[in-house]
PDB file of N, CA and C in Angstrom:
ATOM      1  N   MET A   1    -131.643  75.024  61.327  1.00  0.00           N
ATOM      2  CA  MET A   1    -132.258  74.412  60.317  1.00  0.00           C
ATOM      3  C   MET A   1    -131.312  73.363  59.719  1.00  0.00           C
ATOM      4  N   ASN A   2    -131.779  72.091  59.612  1.00  0.00           N
ATOM      5  CA  ASN A   2    -130.920  70.954  59.214  1.00  0.00           C
ATOM      6  C   ASN A   2    -131.091  70.670  57.676  1.00  0.00           C
ATOM      7  N   ILE A   3    -130.074  71.109  56.952  1.00  0.00           N
ATOM      8  CA  ILE A   3    -130.096  71.119  55.508  1.00  0.00           C
ATOM      9  C   ILE A   3    -129.737  69.686  55.141  1.00  0.00           C
ATOM     10  N   ASP A   4    -130.537  68.971  54.222  1.00  0.00           N
ATOM     11  CA  ASP A   4    -130.205  67.629  53.726  1.00  0.00           C
ATOM     12  C   ASP A   4    -129.325  67.685  52.593  1.00  0.00           C
ATOM     13  N   LYS A   5    -129.470  68.600  51.758  1.00  0.00           N
ATOM     14  CA  LYS A   5    -128.744  68.648  50.461  1.00  0.00           C
ATOM     15  C   LYS A   5    -128.453  70.113  50.196  1.00  0.00           C
ATOM     16  N   GLU A   6    -127.304  70.422  49.600  1.00  0.00           N
ATOM     17  CA  GLU A   6    -126.905  71.845  49.182  1.00  0.00           C
ATOM     18  C   GLU A   6    -126.583  71.716  47.719  1.00  0.00           C
ATOM     19  N   LEU A   7    -126.925  72.870  46.932  1.00  0.00           N
ATOM     20  CA  LEU A   7    -126.612  72.922  45.655  1.00  0.00           C
ATOM     21  C   LEU A   7    -125.994  74.328  45.347  1.00  0.00           C
ATOM     22  N   ASP A   8    -124.900  74.220  44.768  1.00  0.00           N
ATOM     23  CA  ASP A   8    -124.204  75.551  44.358  1.00  0.00           C
ATOM     24  C   ASP A   8    -124.427  75.715  42.914  1.00  0.00           C
ATOM     25  N   THR A   9    -125.181  76.782  42.688  1.00  0.00           N
ATOM     26  CA  THR A   9    -125.561  77.238  41.215  1.00  0.00           C
ATOM     27  C   THR A   9    -124.918  78.590  40.985  1.00  0.00           C
ATOM     28  N   ARG A  10    -123.835  78.995  41.659  1.00  0.00           N
ATOM     29  CA  ARG A  10    -123.191  80.264  41.466  1.00  0.00           C
ATOM     30  C   ARG A  10    -122.614  80.395  39.990  1.00  0.00           C
ATOM     31  N   GLY A  11    -122.888  81.397  39.431  1.00  0.00           N
ATOM     32  CA  GLY A  11    -122.346  81.667  37.990  1.00  0.00           C
ATOM     33  C   GLY A  11    -123.453  81.174  36.978  1.00  0.00           C
ATOM     34  N   LEU A  12    -124.461  80.581  37.316  1.00  0.00           N
ATOM     35  CA  LEU A  12    -125.485  80.116  36.380  1.00  0.00           C
ATOM     36  C   LEU A  12    -126.647  81.061  36.342  1.00  0.00           C
ATOM     37  N   ASN A  13    -127.131  81.292  35.177  1.00  0.00           N
ATOM     38  CA  ASN A  13    -128.346  82.153  35.040  1.00  0.00           C
ATOM     39  C   ASN A  13    -129.610  81.276  34.754  1.00  0.00           C
ATOM     40  N   CYS A  14    -130.758  82.141  34.977  1.00  0.00           N
ATOM     41  CA  CYS A  14    -132.094  81.360  34.834  1.00  0.00           C
ATOM     42  C   CYS A  14    -132.135  80.781  33.294  1.00  0.00           C
ATOM     43  N   PRO A  15    -132.627  79.634  33.218  1.00  0.00           N
ATOM     44  CA  PRO A  15    -133.342  78.852  34.218  1.00  0.00           C
ATOM     45  C   PRO A  15    -132.452  77.770  34.897  1.00  0.00           C
ATOM     46  N   LEU A  16    -131.294  77.695  34.748  1.00  0.00           N
ATOM     47  CA  LEU A  16    -130.365  76.698  35.163  1.00  0.00           C
ATOM     48  C   LEU A  16    -130.484  76.428  36.763  1.00  0.00           C
ATOM     49  N   PRO A  17    -130.527  77.459  37.627  1.00  0.00           N
ATOM     50  CA  PRO A  17    -130.742  77.089  38.964  1.00  0.00           C
ATOM     51  C   PRO A  17    -131.898  76.476  39.267  1.00  0.00           C
ATOM     52  N   ILE A  18    -132.989  76.797  38.711  1.00  0.00           N
ATOM     53  CA  ILE A  18    -134.279  76.138  38.866  1.00  0.00           C
ATOM     54  C   ILE A  18    -134.185  74.673  38.348  1.00  0.00           C
ATOM     55  N   LEU A  19    -133.673  74.522  37.239  1.00  0.00           N
ATOM     56  CA  LEU A  19    -133.719  73.142  36.605  1.00  0.00           C
ATOM     57  C   LEU A  19    -132.820  72.251  37.465  1.00  0.00           C
ATOM     58  N   LYS A  20    -131.814  72.704  38.073  1.00  0.00           N
ATOM     59  CA  LYS A  20    -130.917  71.893  38.865  1.00  0.00           C
ATOM     60  C   LYS A  20    -131.542  71.574  40.307  1.00  0.00           C
ATOM     61  N   ALA A  21    -132.300  72.652  40.733  1.00  0.00           N
ATOM     62  CA  ALA A  21    -133.062  72.378  41.957  1.00  0.00           C
ATOM     63  C   ALA A  21    -134.153  71.365  41.785  1.00  0.00           C
ATOM     64  N   LYS A  22    -134.850  71.484  40.606  1.00  0.00           N
ATOM     65  CA  LYS A  22    -135.869  70.522  40.364  1.00  0.00           C
ATOM     66  C   LYS A  22    -135.412  69.112  40.202  1.00  0.00           C
ATOM     67  N   LYS A  23    -134.177  68.858  39.617  1.00  0.00           N
ATOM     68  CA  LYS A  23    -133.562  67.518  39.601  1.00  0.00           C
ATOM     69  C   LYS A  23    -133.191  67.112  40.907  1.00  0.00           C
ATOM     70  N   ALA A  24    -132.533  67.982  41.731  1.00  0.00           N
ATOM     71  CA  ALA A  24    -132.166  67.645  43.107  1.00  0.00           C
ATOM     72  C   ALA A  24    -133.302  67.180  43.874  1.00  0.00           C
ATOM     73  N   LEU A  25    -134.476  67.917  43.927  1.00  0.00           N
ATOM     74  CA  LEU A  25    -135.602  67.621  44.697  1.00  0.00           C
ATOM     75  C   LEU A  25    -136.284  66.292  44.273  1.00  0.00           C
ATOM     76  N   ALA A  26    -136.173  65.963  43.094  1.00  0.00           N
ATOM     77  CA  ALA A  26    -136.724  64.767  42.609  1.00  0.00           C
ATOM     78  C   ALA A  26    -136.074  63.503  43.240  1.00  0.00           C
ATOM     79  N   ASP A  27    -134.680  63.654  43.653  1.00  0.00           N
ATOM     80  CA  ASP A  27    -133.979  62.483  44.389  1.00  0.00           C
ATOM     81  C   ASP A  27    -134.129  62.557  45.760  1.00  0.00           C
ATOM     82  N   MET A  28    -134.853  63.610  46.370  1.00  0.00           N
ATOM     83  CA  MET A  28    -134.961  63.687  47.722  1.00  0.00           C
ATOM     84  C   MET A  28    -136.305  63.134  48.410  1.00  0.00           C
ATOM     85  N   GLN A  29    -136.335  62.839  49.678  1.00  0.00           N
ATOM     86  CA  GLN A  29    -137.598  62.414  50.408  1.00  0.00           C
ATOM     87  C   GLN A  29    -138.424  63.588  50.750  1.00  0.00           C
ATOM     88  N   SER A  30    -139.733  63.305  50.890  1.00  0.00           N
ATOM     89  CA  SER A  30    -140.625  64.259  51.453  1.00  0.00           C
ATOM     90  C   SER A  30    -140.212  64.807  52.747  1.00  0.00           C
ATOM     91  N   GLY A  31    -140.165  66.079  52.875  1.00  0.00           N
ATOM     92  CA  GLY A  31    -139.839  66.792  54.095  1.00  0.00           C
ATOM     93  C   GLY A  31    -138.239  67.241  54.216  1.00  0.00           C
ATOM     94  N   GLU A  32    -137.571  66.736  53.304  1.00  0.00           N
ATOM     95  CA  GLU A  32    -136.155  67.030  53.284  1.00  0.00           C
ATOM     96  C   GLU A  32    -135.829  68.456  52.838  1.00  0.00           C
ATOM     97  N   LEU A  33    -134.816  69.031  53.425  1.00  0.00           N
ATOM     98  CA  LEU A  33    -134.583  70.402  52.931  1.00  0.00           C
ATOM     99  C   LEU A  33    -133.439  70.623  51.909  1.00  0.00           C
ATOM    100  N   LEU A  34    -133.630  71.348  50.880  1.00  0.00           N
ATOM    101  CA  LEU A  34    -132.582  71.609  49.839  1.00  0.00           C
ATOM    102  C   LEU A  34    -132.178  73.229  49.972  1.00  0.00           C
ATOM    103  N   ARG A  35    -130.890  73.387  50.043  1.00  0.00           N
ATOM    104  CA  ARG A  35    -130.280  74.854  50.000  1.00  0.00           C
ATOM    105  C   ARG A  35    -129.710  75.037  48.724  1.00  0.00           C
ATOM    106  N   VAL A  36    -130.138  76.139  48.106  1.00  0.00           N
ATOM    107  CA  VAL A  36    -129.568  76.521  46.787  1.00  0.00           C
ATOM    108  C   VAL A  36    -128.931  77.800  46.941  1.00  0.00           C
ATOM    109  N   VAL A  37    -127.615  77.876  46.483  1.00  0.00           N
ATOM    110  CA  VAL A  37    -126.913  79.104  46.515  1.00  0.00           C
ATOM    111  C   VAL A  37    -126.785  79.554  45.006  1.00  0.00           C
ATOM    112  N   SER A  38    -127.138  80.834  44.699  1.00  0.00           N
ATOM    113  CA  SER A  38    -127.220  81.369  43.395  1.00  0.00           C
ATOM    114  C   SER A  38    -126.566  82.685  43.469  1.00  0.00           C
ATOM    115  N   THR A  39    -125.990  83.098  42.198  1.00  0.00           N
ATOM    116  CA  THR A  39    -125.606  84.569  42.074  1.00  0.00           C
ATOM    117  C   THR A  39    -126.461  85.384  41.114  1.00  0.00           C
ATOM    118  N   ASP A  40    -127.579  84.604  40.676  1.00  0.00           N
ATOM    119  CA  ASP A  40    -128.486  85.279  39.783  1.00  0.00           C
ATOM    120  C   ASP A  40    -129.527  85.990  40.543  1.00  0.00           C
ATOM    121  N   SER A  41    -129.476  87.403  40.350  1.00  0.00           N
ATOM    122  CA  SER A  41    -130.419  88.228  41.082  1.00  0.00           C
ATOM    123  C   SER A  41    -131.928  87.950  40.872  1.00  0.00           C
ATOM    124  N   GLY A  42    -132.213  87.414  39.628  1.00  0.00           N
ATOM    125  CA  GLY A  42    -133.584  87.009  39.448  1.00  0.00           C
ATOM    126  C   GLY A  42    -134.015  85.753  40.225  1.00  0.00           C
ATOM    127  N   SER A  43    -133.072  85.065  40.698  1.00  0.00           N
ATOM    128  CA  SER A  43    -133.458  83.804  41.343  1.00  0.00           C
ATOM    129  C   SER A  43    -134.471  83.955  42.532  1.00  0.00           C
ATOM    130  N   THR A  44    -134.468  85.085  43.201  1.00  0.00           N
ATOM    131  CA  THR A  44    -135.377  85.352  44.292  1.00  0.00           C
ATOM    132  C   THR A  44    -136.832  85.136  43.896  1.00  0.00           C
ATOM    133  N   ARG A  45    -137.132  85.732  42.755  1.00  0.00           N
ATOM    134  CA  ARG A  45    -138.547  85.695  42.241  1.00  0.00           C
ATOM    135  C   ARG A  45    -138.785  84.364  41.648  1.00  0.00           C
ATOM    136  N   ASP A  46    -137.752  83.909  40.919  1.00  0.00           N
ATOM    137  CA  ASP A  46    -137.878  82.593  40.238  1.00  0.00           C
ATOM    138  C   ASP A  46    -138.163  81.407  41.285  1.00  0.00           C
ATOM    139  N   PHE A  47    -137.461  81.421  42.467  1.00  0.00           N
ATOM    140  CA  PHE A  47    -137.702  80.289  43.430  1.00  0.00           C
ATOM    141  C   PHE A  47    -139.098  80.541  44.031  1.00  0.00           C
ATOM    142  N   LEU A  48    -139.570  81.747  44.217  1.00  0.00           N
ATOM    143  CA  LEU A  48    -140.816  82.065  44.723  1.00  0.00           C
ATOM    144  C   LEU A  48    -141.924  81.362  43.723  1.00  0.00           C
ATOM    145  N   ALA A  49    -141.754  81.621  42.517  1.00  0.00           N
ATOM    146  CA  ALA A  49    -142.703  81.132  41.478  1.00  0.00           C
ATOM    147  C   ALA A  49    -142.664  79.635  41.467  1.00  0.00           C
ATOM    148  N   PHE A  50    -141.390  79.122  41.556  1.00  0.00           N
ATOM    149  CA  PHE A  50    -141.269  77.639  41.404  1.00  0.00           C
ATOM    150  C   PHE A  50    -141.880  77.017  42.492  1.00  0.00           C
ATOM    151  N   ALA A  51    -141.837  77.364  43.767  1.00  0.00           N
ATOM    152  CA  ALA A  51    -142.344  76.943  44.861  1.00  0.00           C
ATOM    153  C   ALA A  51    -143.858  76.770  44.716  1.00  0.00           C
ATOM    154  N   LYS A  52    -144.468  77.865  44.347  1.00  0.00           N
ATOM    155  CA  LYS A  52    -145.969  78.046  44.128  1.00  0.00           C
ATOM    156  C   LYS A  52    -146.465  76.956  43.145  1.00  0.00           C
ATOM    157  N   GLN A  53    -145.682  76.848  42.076  1.00  0.00           N
ATOM    158  CA  GLN A  53    -146.102  75.940  40.991  1.00  0.00           C
ATOM    159  C   GLN A  53    -145.911  74.437  41.266  1.00  0.00           C
ATOM    160  N   THR A  54    -144.870  74.016  42.062  1.00  0.00           N
ATOM    161  CA  THR A  54    -144.531  72.712  42.344  1.00  0.00           C
ATOM    162  C   THR A  54    -145.092  72.155  43.666  1.00  0.00           C
ATOM    163  N   GLY A  55    -145.459  73.095  44.595  1.00  0.00           N
ATOM    164  CA  GLY A  55    -146.031  72.684  45.787  1.00  0.00           C
ATOM    165  C   GLY A  55    -144.828  72.435  46.925  1.00  0.00           C
ATOM    166  N   ASN A  56    -143.666  72.632  46.510  1.00  0.00           N
ATOM    167  CA  ASN A  56    -142.583  72.533  47.483  1.00  0.00           C
ATOM    168  C   ASN A  56    -142.549  73.853  48.281  1.00  0.00           C
ATOM    169  N   GLU A  57    -142.277  73.794  49.537  1.00  0.00           N
ATOM    170  CA  GLU A  57    -142.434  75.025  50.501  1.00  0.00           C
ATOM    171  C   GLU A  57    -141.079  75.710  50.394  1.00  0.00           C
ATOM    172  N   LEU A  58    -141.054  77.007  50.227  1.00  0.00           N
ATOM    173  CA  LEU A  58    -139.986  77.894  50.168  1.00  0.00           C
ATOM    174  C   LEU A  58    -139.810  78.359  51.691  1.00  0.00           C
ATOM    175  N   MET A  59    -138.842  77.681  52.342  1.00  0.00           N
ATOM    176  CA  MET A  59    -138.761  77.910  53.868  1.00  0.00           C
ATOM    177  C   MET A  59    -137.987  79.256  54.157  1.00  0.00           C
ATOM    178  N   GLU A  60    -137.155  79.681  53.339  1.00  0.00           N
ATOM    179  CA  GLU A  60    -136.238  80.841  53.621  1.00  0.00           C
ATOM    180  C   GLU A  60    -135.674  81.418  52.362  1.00  0.00           C
ATOM    181  N   GLN A  61    -135.469  82.640  52.185  1.00  0.00           N
ATOM    182  CA  GLN A  61    -134.606  83.304  51.224  1.00  0.00           C
ATOM    183  C   GLN A  61    -133.716  84.363  51.879  1.00  0.00           C
ATOM    184  N   SER A  62    -132.525  84.432  51.505  1.00  0.00           N
ATOM    185  CA  SER A  62    -131.610  85.505  52.169  1.00  0.00           C
ATOM    186  C   SER A  62    -130.512  85.908  51.141  1.00  0.00           C
ATOM    187  N   THR A  63    -129.919  86.954  51.388  1.00  0.00           N
ATOM    188  CA  THR A  63    -128.672  87.323  50.576  1.00  0.00           C
ATOM    189  C   THR A  63    -127.546  87.400  51.608  1.00  0.00           C
ATOM    190  N   SER A  64    -126.348  87.123  50.896  1.00  0.00           N
ATOM    191  CA  SER A  64    -125.069  87.075  51.705  1.00  0.00           C
ATOM    192  C   SER A  64    -123.958  87.501  50.619  1.00  0.00           C
ATOM    193  N   GLY A  65    -123.701  88.767  50.748  1.00  0.00           N
ATOM    194  CA  GLY A  65    -122.698  89.337  49.686  1.00  0.00           C
ATOM    195  C   GLY A  65    -123.384  89.301  48.328  1.00  0.00           C
ATOM    196  N   GLY A  66    -122.804  88.618  47.384  1.00  0.00           N
ATOM    197  CA  GLY A  66    -123.457  88.594  46.011  1.00  0.00           C
ATOM    198  C   GLY A  66    -124.245  87.184  45.923  1.00  0.00           C
ATOM    199  N   ASP A  67    -124.332  86.484  46.953  1.00  0.00           N
ATOM    200  CA  ASP A  67    -125.103  85.176  46.871  1.00  0.00           C
ATOM    201  C   ASP A  67    -126.576  85.291  47.311  1.00  0.00           C
ATOM    202  N   PHE A  68    -127.388  84.692  46.681  1.00  0.00           N
ATOM    203  CA  PHE A  68    -128.861  84.626  47.014  1.00  0.00           C
ATOM    204  C   PHE A  68    -129.094  83.107  47.517  1.00  0.00           C
ATOM    205  N   ILE A  69    -129.570  83.010  48.638  1.00  0.00           N
ATOM    206  CA  ILE A  69    -129.632  81.573  49.286  1.00  0.00           C
ATOM    207  C   ILE A  69    -131.229  81.215  49.330  1.00  0.00           C
ATOM    208  N   HIS A  70    -131.557  80.127  48.954  1.00  0.00           N
ATOM    209  CA  HIS A  70    -132.900  79.705  48.985  1.00  0.00           C
ATOM    210  C   HIS A  70    -132.989  78.389  49.622  1.00  0.00           C
ATOM    211  N   VAL A  71    -133.904  78.193  50.538  1.00  0.00           N
ATOM    212  CA  VAL A  71    -134.171  76.783  51.175  1.00  0.00           C
ATOM    213  C   VAL A  71    -135.495  76.305  50.992  1.00  0.00           C
ATOM    214  N   LEU A  72    -135.537  75.246  50.227  1.00  0.00           N
ATOM    215  CA  LEU A  72    -136.837  74.615  49.829  1.00  0.00           C
ATOM    216  C   LEU A  72    -137.069  73.323  50.693  1.00  0.00           C
ATOM    217  N   LYS A  73    -138.394  73.030  51.014  1.00  0.00           N
ATOM    218  CA  LYS A  73    -138.686  71.893  51.752  1.00  0.00           C
ATOM    219  C   LYS A  73    -139.496  70.996  50.679  1.00  0.00           C
ATOM    220  N   ARG A  74    -138.925  69.822  50.422  1.00  0.00           N
ATOM    221  CA  ARG A  74    -139.554  68.848  49.497  1.00  0.00           C
ATOM    222  C   ARG A  74    -141.007  68.526  49.927  1.00  0.00           C
ATOM    223  N   ARG A  75    -141.848  68.541  48.932  1.00  0.00           N
ATOM    224  CA  ARG A  75    -143.280  68.159  49.385  1.00  0.00           C
ATOM    225  C   ARG A  75    -143.516  66.698  49.509  1.00  0.00           C
TER     226      ARG A  75
END
């Protein structure tokens, strides 16, 4: 997977990871991929809901240690 932009939101709680992702996606071109790394355990469901509401595609979600990783495709 070719990531176009990465966002580190470790240590931030809801809604900050979502708000930072929204801002980052606004500066990206359609089809580009954004990888967001978060330590907020609620971010998994938050990014699922965010993708449904905004039309951006949630390509992948995974966990690595205490990190929750989300990959979004800009609509």
